[in-house]
Every structure is written in structure tokens, then in C-alpha cells.
Protein backbone atom coordinates (compact mmCIF):
# COMPACT_ATOMS: atom_id res chain seq x y z
CA GLU A 1 -5.49 8.04 93.35
CA ARG A 2 -6.46 10.90 91.02
CA LYS A 3 -8.49 8.55 88.82
CA ARG A 4 -10.22 7.10 91.87
CA ALA A 5 -11.16 10.58 93.09
CA TYR A 6 -12.42 11.52 89.61
CA ASN A 7 -14.53 8.36 89.37
CA ARG A 8 -15.96 8.82 92.86
CA MET A 9 -16.83 12.43 92.13
CA ASN A 10 -18.67 11.47 88.95
CA LYS A 11 -20.52 8.56 90.56
CA SER A 12 -21.57 10.85 93.39
CA ARG A 13 -22.84 13.41 90.89
CA MET A 14 -24.79 10.68 89.12
CA LYS A 15 -26.39 9.39 92.33
CA THR A 16 -27.39 12.90 93.39
CA ALA A 17 -28.99 13.56 89.99
CA LEU A 18 -30.88 10.24 90.18
CA LYS A 19 -32.22 11.05 93.66
CA ASP A 20 -33.21 14.53 92.52
CA LEU A 21 -35.15 13.12 89.57
CA ARG A 22 -36.83 10.44 91.70
CA SER A 23 -38.04 13.07 94.20
CA THR A 24 -39.74 15.13 91.47
CA SER A 25 -43.53 14.92 91.29
CA GLU A 26 -44.23 17.23 88.33
CA LYS A 27 -43.98 15.71 84.87
CA ALA A 28 -42.58 18.80 83.10
CA ALA A 29 -39.81 19.23 85.66
CA ALA A 30 -39.11 15.51 85.61
CA GLU A 31 -38.72 15.49 81.82
CA GLU A 32 -36.19 18.33 82.02
CA LYS A 33 -34.25 16.56 84.77
CA TYR A 34 -34.43 13.27 82.85
CA ARG A 35 -32.58 14.88 79.91
CA LYS A 36 -29.78 15.99 82.23
CA VAL A 37 -29.55 12.63 84.01
CA SER A 38 -29.56 10.83 80.67
CA ALA A 39 -26.65 12.95 79.47
CA ILE A 40 -24.72 12.24 82.68
CA LEU A 41 -25.30 8.48 82.35
CA ASP A 42 -24.23 8.50 78.70
CA ARG A 43 -21.09 10.46 79.53
CA LEU A 44 -20.11 8.07 82.33
CA ALA A 45 -20.75 5.04 80.13
CA THR A 46 -18.64 6.53 77.34
CA LYS A 47 -15.76 7.15 79.74
CA GLY A 48 -16.03 3.65 81.20
CA ILE A 49 -16.95 4.75 84.71
CA ILE A 50 -20.14 2.69 84.52
CA HIS A 51 -21.00 -0.09 82.09
CA ARG A 52 -23.05 0.94 79.06
CA ASN A 53 -25.73 -1.64 79.87
CA THR A 54 -26.04 -0.19 83.36
CA ALA A 55 -26.57 3.25 81.85
CA ALA A 56 -29.19 1.88 79.46
CA HIS A 57 -30.95 0.02 82.27
CA ARG A 58 -31.13 3.09 84.49
CA LYS A 59 -32.29 5.33 81.65
CA SER A 60 -35.05 2.85 80.84
CA LYS A 61 -36.26 2.69 84.43
CA LEU A 62 -36.18 6.48 84.75
CA ALA A 63 -38.06 6.97 81.48
CA LYS A 64 -40.73 4.61 82.79
CA PHE A 65 -40.87 6.64 86.02
CA VAL A 66 -41.22 9.95 84.16
CA GLN A 67 -44.03 8.53 81.99
CA SER A 68 -45.87 7.33 85.10
CA LEU A 69 -46.12 10.88 86.46
CA GLY A 70 -49.49 12.52 85.98
């Protein structure tokens, strides 16, 4: 039960960070947020909460999004 709560908390934190980054329209702010989101994804992949390929996939999509901003 404790592990489940810990995993849910971390996944929730990840989803919130992803939504926050996606809602950003300024490139400088998005780059800063991308670094934080990337660190979160790496940490979760290292701990086995999400698969490492999932983390890589999401980081790739987010990097593409950040580059598309004006």
C-alpha cells in the first residue's frame, strides 16, 4: 500500500509537470520547465515507476514541442 501511494504520488507529479510544460507558450520558460520535466522522467525511469523507453519517448516529444515554440 505504501509503494502504491508512492508510485501514484510520483506519477501525479509527472503528469502535472507535463501539463504545465504543454501549457507554456514562451520558449525560454518552456526550456527551463523541460529541464525539470526531463529530470523527473529520468528519476521515475531509474526507480522503475515508468519504463525507460516511455521516459525517452516523452522526452523526445517534449523536446520537439519546445523547439516548435517561436
